Amino acid sequence: METNKTILGTCRLMRLREVLQLCSFSRATLYREIKLHTFPAPVKLSARSVGWLQDDVMQWLDARVAQRGPAYQAHAQIEHQDAKRGAAFKPGRRRARDEAE
């Protein structure tokens, strides 16, 4: 019997600690975002337990990444090109700082 089979229409539940770590939020910020309807609401599991659908949290993260805009994308593209060329730092800046000392 296969136990790791994914059932369509279901997804994994994430607990508070995991959501906070993944999103780099404090607990207060997370609940503030939920109250403002800018973060997915939790699923109540019991009287004192909640969880978040992993798909909902990942979609929220993907939307945040998409909001970075063209300025970030251009900067990331320049860094990527520098990394391809093997430029770990900009030598011109280093020399100018050394000459000033």
N, C-alpha and C. Protein backbone atom coordinates (compact mmCIF):
# COMPACT_ATOMS: atom_id res chain seq x y z
N MET A 1 0.83 -1.17 0.00
CA MET A 1 0.00 0.00 0.00
C MET A 1 0.88 1.24 0.00
N GLU A 2 0.58 2.21 -0.86
CA GLU A 2 1.36 3.43 -0.98
C GLU A 2 0.80 4.49 -0.04
N THR A 3 1.60 4.93 0.93
CA THR A 3 1.11 5.90 1.93
C THR A 3 1.43 7.35 1.56
N ASN A 4 2.38 7.58 0.67
CA ASN A 4 2.77 8.94 0.31
C ASN A 4 2.04 9.46 -0.92
N LYS A 5 0.95 8.85 -1.27
CA LYS A 5 0.20 9.25 -2.45
C LYS A 5 -0.53 10.57 -2.18
N THR A 6 -0.40 11.52 -3.09
CA THR A 6 -1.07 12.81 -2.95
C THR A 6 -2.50 12.69 -3.43
N ILE A 7 -3.43 13.13 -2.63
CA ILE A 7 -4.84 13.11 -2.99
C ILE A 7 -5.19 14.46 -3.59
N LEU A 8 -5.80 14.45 -4.76
CA LEU A 8 -6.15 15.69 -5.41
C LEU A 8 -7.09 16.52 -4.55
N GLY A 9 -6.88 17.85 -4.54
CA GLY A 9 -7.73 18.74 -3.79
C GLY A 9 -7.34 18.87 -2.33
N THR A 10 -6.25 18.25 -1.92
CA THR A 10 -5.80 18.38 -0.55
C THR A 10 -4.40 18.94 -0.54
N CYS A 11 -3.99 19.42 0.61
CA CYS A 11 -2.61 19.86 0.74
C CYS A 11 -2.20 19.79 2.19
N ARG A 12 -0.96 19.96 2.42
CA ARG A 12 -0.36 19.85 3.75
C ARG A 12 -0.72 21.07 4.60
N LEU A 13 -0.90 20.85 5.90
CA LEU A 13 -1.13 21.94 6.83
C LEU A 13 0.18 22.33 7.50
N MET A 14 0.41 23.62 7.59
CA MET A 14 1.61 24.14 8.24
C MET A 14 1.20 24.72 9.59
N ARG A 15 2.00 24.47 10.60
CA ARG A 15 1.72 25.02 11.92
C ARG A 15 2.34 26.41 12.05
N LEU A 16 1.98 27.13 13.09
CA LEU A 16 2.37 28.52 13.29
C LEU A 16 3.88 28.72 13.20
N ARG A 17 4.64 27.92 13.91
CA ARG A 17 6.09 28.08 13.93
C ARG A 17 6.70 27.99 12.53
N GLU A 18 6.21 27.07 11.73
CA GLU A 18 6.72 26.89 10.37
C GLU A 18 6.35 28.08 9.48
N VAL A 19 5.12 28.58 9.63
CA VAL A 19 4.68 29.74 8.84
C VAL A 19 5.51 30.97 9.20
N LEU A 20 5.73 31.19 10.49
CA LEU A 20 6.53 32.34 10.94
C LEU A 20 7.94 32.27 10.39
N GLN A 21 8.52 31.10 10.40
CA GLN A 21 9.89 30.93 9.89
C GLN A 21 9.95 31.14 8.38
N LEU A 22 8.99 30.59 7.67
CA LEU A 22 8.98 30.69 6.22
C LEU A 22 8.78 32.13 5.75
N CYS A 23 7.90 32.86 6.43
CA CYS A 23 7.55 34.22 6.01
C CYS A 23 8.40 35.29 6.68
N SER A 24 9.21 34.92 7.64
CA SER A 24 10.03 35.86 8.40
C SER A 24 9.18 36.94 9.07
N PHE A 25 8.07 36.54 9.63
CA PHE A 25 7.17 37.44 10.35
C PHE A 25 7.28 37.14 11.84
N SER A 26 6.94 38.16 12.64
CA SER A 26 6.69 37.89 14.05
C SER A 26 5.25 37.42 14.15
N ARG A 27 4.91 36.87 15.30
CA ARG A 27 3.54 36.39 15.50
C ARG A 27 2.55 37.55 15.39
N ALA A 28 2.89 38.69 15.99
CA ALA A 28 2.00 39.86 15.94
C ALA A 28 1.79 40.34 14.51
N THR A 29 2.85 40.37 13.72
CA THR A 29 2.74 40.81 12.33
C THR A 29 1.89 39.85 11.52
N LEU A 30 2.07 38.56 11.74
CA LEU A 30 1.29 37.56 11.01
C LEU A 30 -0.20 37.77 11.27
N TYR A 31 -0.57 37.87 12.53
CA TYR A 31 -1.99 38.03 12.86
C TYR A 31 -2.54 39.39 12.42
N ARG A 32 -1.69 40.42 12.39
CA ARG A 32 -2.10 41.72 11.85
C ARG A 32 -2.41 41.60 10.36
N GLU A 33 -1.55 40.90 9.62
CA GLU A 33 -1.75 40.71 8.19
C GLU A 33 -3.03 39.90 7.92
N ILE A 34 -3.30 38.91 8.77
CA ILE A 34 -4.53 38.12 8.63
C ILE A 34 -5.75 39.02 8.86
N LYS A 35 -5.69 39.86 9.89
CA LYS A 35 -6.80 40.77 10.21
C LYS A 35 -7.05 41.75 9.07
N LEU A 36 -5.99 42.18 8.39
CA LEU A 36 -6.11 43.10 7.26
C LEU A 36 -6.47 42.38 5.96
N HIS A 37 -6.62 41.07 6.03
CA HIS A 37 -6.94 40.22 4.87
C HIS A 37 -5.86 40.27 3.79
N THR A 38 -4.61 40.43 4.23
CA THR A 38 -3.49 40.41 3.28
C THR A 38 -2.68 39.13 3.38
N PHE A 39 -3.06 38.26 4.31
CA PHE A 39 -2.42 36.96 4.46
C PHE A 39 -3.52 35.92 4.63
N PRO A 40 -3.33 34.71 4.12
CA PRO A 40 -4.37 33.68 4.21
C PRO A 40 -4.77 33.38 5.66
N ALA A 41 -6.04 33.21 5.87
CA ALA A 41 -6.56 32.89 7.20
C ALA A 41 -6.22 31.44 7.55
N PRO A 42 -6.03 31.18 8.84
CA PRO A 42 -5.73 29.81 9.25
C PRO A 42 -6.98 28.93 9.26
N VAL A 43 -6.74 27.63 9.29
CA VAL A 43 -7.80 26.64 9.41
C VAL A 43 -7.83 26.21 10.87
N LYS A 44 -8.98 26.30 11.50
CA LYS A 44 -9.09 25.90 12.91
C LYS A 44 -9.09 24.38 12.99
N LEU A 45 -8.15 23.84 13.74
CA LEU A 45 -8.02 22.39 13.87
C LEU A 45 -8.67 21.86 15.14
N SER A 46 -8.59 22.64 16.19
CA SER A 46 -9.23 22.29 17.46
C SER A 46 -9.45 23.57 18.24
N ALA A 47 -9.84 23.47 19.49
CA ALA A 47 -10.12 24.66 20.29
C ALA A 47 -8.92 25.59 20.41
N ARG A 48 -7.72 25.03 20.46
CA ARG A 48 -6.52 25.86 20.64
C ARG A 48 -5.45 25.59 19.59
N SER A 49 -5.86 25.16 18.42
CA SER A 49 -4.88 24.79 17.39
C SER A 49 -5.35 25.24 16.01
N VAL A 50 -4.43 25.85 15.26
CA VAL A 50 -4.73 26.27 13.90
C VAL A 50 -3.58 25.84 12.98
N GLY A 51 -3.85 25.82 11.71
CA GLY A 51 -2.84 25.51 10.70
C GLY A 51 -3.17 26.27 9.43
N TRP A 52 -2.18 26.41 8.58
CA TRP A 52 -2.36 27.10 7.30
C TRP A 52 -2.14 26.11 6.18
N LEU A 53 -2.94 26.21 5.14
CA LEU A 53 -2.74 25.36 3.97
C LEU A 53 -1.45 25.80 3.28
N GLN A 54 -0.58 24.85 3.05
CA GLN A 54 0.72 25.16 2.45
C GLN A 54 0.54 25.84 1.09
N ASP A 55 -0.41 25.39 0.30
CA ASP A 55 -0.65 26.00 -1.00
C ASP A 55 -1.00 27.48 -0.87
N ASP A 56 -1.83 27.83 0.12
CA ASP A 56 -2.21 29.23 0.33
C ASP A 56 -1.00 30.08 0.69
N VAL A 57 -0.16 29.57 1.59
CA VAL A 57 1.03 30.32 2.03
C VAL A 57 2.01 30.47 0.86
N MET A 58 2.21 29.42 0.08
CA MET A 58 3.13 29.50 -1.05
C MET A 58 2.61 30.46 -2.13
N GLN A 59 1.31 30.47 -2.36
CA GLN A 59 0.74 31.43 -3.32
C GLN A 59 0.94 32.85 -2.82
N TRP A 60 0.78 33.08 -1.53
CA TRP A 60 1.01 34.41 -0.95
C TRP A 60 2.47 34.82 -1.16
N LEU A 61 3.41 33.90 -0.90
CA LEU A 61 4.82 34.19 -1.10
C LEU A 61 5.13 34.49 -2.57
N ASP A 62 4.56 33.70 -3.47
CA ASP A 62 4.77 33.92 -4.90
C ASP A 62 4.27 35.30 -5.32
N ALA A 63 3.13 35.71 -4.77
CA ALA A 63 2.58 37.04 -5.09
C ALA A 63 3.50 38.14 -4.57
N ARG A 64 4.08 37.95 -3.38
CA ARG A 64 5.01 38.94 -2.84
C ARG A 64 6.26 39.04 -3.71
N VAL A 65 6.75 37.91 -4.17
CA VAL A 65 7.94 37.91 -5.03
C VAL A 65 7.62 38.62 -6.34
N ALA A 66 6.43 38.40 -6.88
CA ALA A 66 6.03 39.03 -8.13
C ALA A 66 5.89 40.55 -7.99
N GLN A 67 5.67 41.04 -6.78
CA GLN A 67 5.50 42.48 -6.55
C GLN A 67 6.82 43.24 -6.54
N ARG A 68 7.93 42.55 -6.61
CA ARG A 68 9.23 43.23 -6.53
C ARG A 68 9.41 44.24 -7.65
N GLY A 69 8.88 43.94 -8.80
CA GLY A 69 8.88 44.90 -9.89
C GLY A 69 10.14 44.90 -10.73
N PRO A 70 10.14 45.77 -11.77
CA PRO A 70 11.23 45.79 -12.75
C PRO A 70 12.56 46.27 -12.18
N ALA A 71 12.57 47.17 -11.21
CA ALA A 71 13.83 47.66 -10.66
C ALA A 71 14.61 46.53 -10.02
N TYR A 72 13.94 45.68 -9.26
CA TYR A 72 14.60 44.55 -8.63
C TYR A 72 15.08 43.57 -9.68
N GLN A 73 14.24 43.31 -10.68
CA GLN A 73 14.59 42.34 -11.71
C GLN A 73 15.83 42.79 -12.47
N ALA A 74 15.93 44.11 -12.75
CA ALA A 74 17.10 44.62 -13.45
C ALA A 74 18.34 44.47 -12.59
N HIS A 75 18.23 44.78 -11.30
CA HIS A 75 19.36 44.65 -10.38
C HIS A 75 19.80 43.19 -10.27
N ALA A 76 18.84 42.29 -10.15
CA ALA A 76 19.15 40.86 -10.04
C ALA A 76 19.81 40.36 -11.32
N GLN A 77 19.37 40.88 -12.45
CA GLN A 77 19.95 40.46 -13.73
C GLN A 77 21.41 40.92 -13.83
N ILE A 78 21.71 42.13 -13.36
CA ILE A 78 23.09 42.64 -13.38
C ILE A 78 23.97 41.79 -12.47
N GLU A 79 23.47 41.47 -11.27
CA GLU A 79 24.24 40.62 -10.35
C GLU A 79 24.50 39.25 -10.95
N HIS A 80 23.50 38.72 -11.65
CA HIS A 80 23.64 37.41 -12.27
C HIS A 80 24.72 37.46 -13.35
N GLN A 81 24.73 38.53 -14.14
CA GLN A 81 25.74 38.67 -15.19
C GLN A 81 27.13 38.80 -14.58
N ASP A 82 27.26 39.56 -13.49
CA ASP A 82 28.55 39.70 -12.82
C ASP A 82 29.03 38.35 -12.29
N ALA A 83 28.11 37.59 -11.74
CA ALA A 83 28.46 36.27 -11.20
C ALA A 83 28.93 35.34 -12.32
N LYS A 84 28.29 35.45 -13.48
CA LYS A 84 28.70 34.62 -14.62
C LYS A 84 30.13 34.95 -15.04
N ARG A 85 30.49 36.22 -14.96
CA ARG A 85 31.83 36.64 -15.35
C ARG A 85 32.86 36.37 -14.27
N GLY A 86 32.39 36.01 -13.09
CA GLY A 86 33.31 35.71 -11.99
C GLY A 86 33.71 36.94 -11.21
N ALA A 87 32.98 38.03 -11.33
CA ALA A 87 33.30 39.25 -10.60
C ALA A 87 32.66 39.19 -9.22
N ALA A 88 33.45 38.86 -8.22
CA ALA A 88 32.93 38.78 -6.86
C ALA A 88 32.78 40.15 -6.22
N PHE A 89 33.64 41.10 -6.65
CA PHE A 89 33.53 42.47 -6.14
C PHE A 89 33.97 43.41 -7.26
N LYS A 90 33.70 44.68 -7.08
CA LYS A 90 34.07 45.67 -8.09
C LYS A 90 35.44 46.25 -7.71
N PRO A 91 36.49 45.91 -8.43
CA PRO A 91 37.84 46.33 -8.07
C PRO A 91 38.01 47.85 -8.02
N GLY A 92 37.30 48.60 -8.87
CA GLY A 92 37.42 50.06 -8.90
C GLY A 92 37.06 50.68 -7.56
N ARG A 93 36.03 50.22 -6.95
CA ARG A 93 35.62 50.76 -5.65
C ARG A 93 36.66 50.43 -4.59
N ARG A 94 37.18 49.26 -4.64
CA ARG A 94 38.15 48.81 -3.63
C ARG A 94 39.41 49.69 -3.71
N ARG A 95 39.90 49.93 -4.93
CA ARG A 95 41.10 50.75 -5.10
C ARG A 95 40.87 52.18 -4.64
N ALA A 96 39.71 52.74 -4.94
CA ALA A 96 39.42 54.11 -4.56
C ALA A 96 39.41 54.23 -3.03
N ARG A 97 38.86 53.25 -2.37
CA ARG A 97 38.81 53.27 -0.90
C ARG A 97 40.22 53.11 -0.34
N ASP A 98 41.04 52.23 -0.95
CA ASP A 98 42.40 52.02 -0.49
C ASP A 98 43.25 53.27 -0.66
N GLU A 99 43.06 53.99 -1.77
CA GLU A 99 43.83 55.20 -2.04
C GLU A 99 43.48 56.31 -1.07
N ALA A 100 42.22 56.34 -0.60
CA ALA A 100 41.78 57.38 0.33
C ALA A 100 42.44 57.22 1.69
N GLU A 101 42.83 56.03 2.04
CA GLU A 101 43.44 55.78 3.36
C GLU A 101 44.84 56.16 3.33
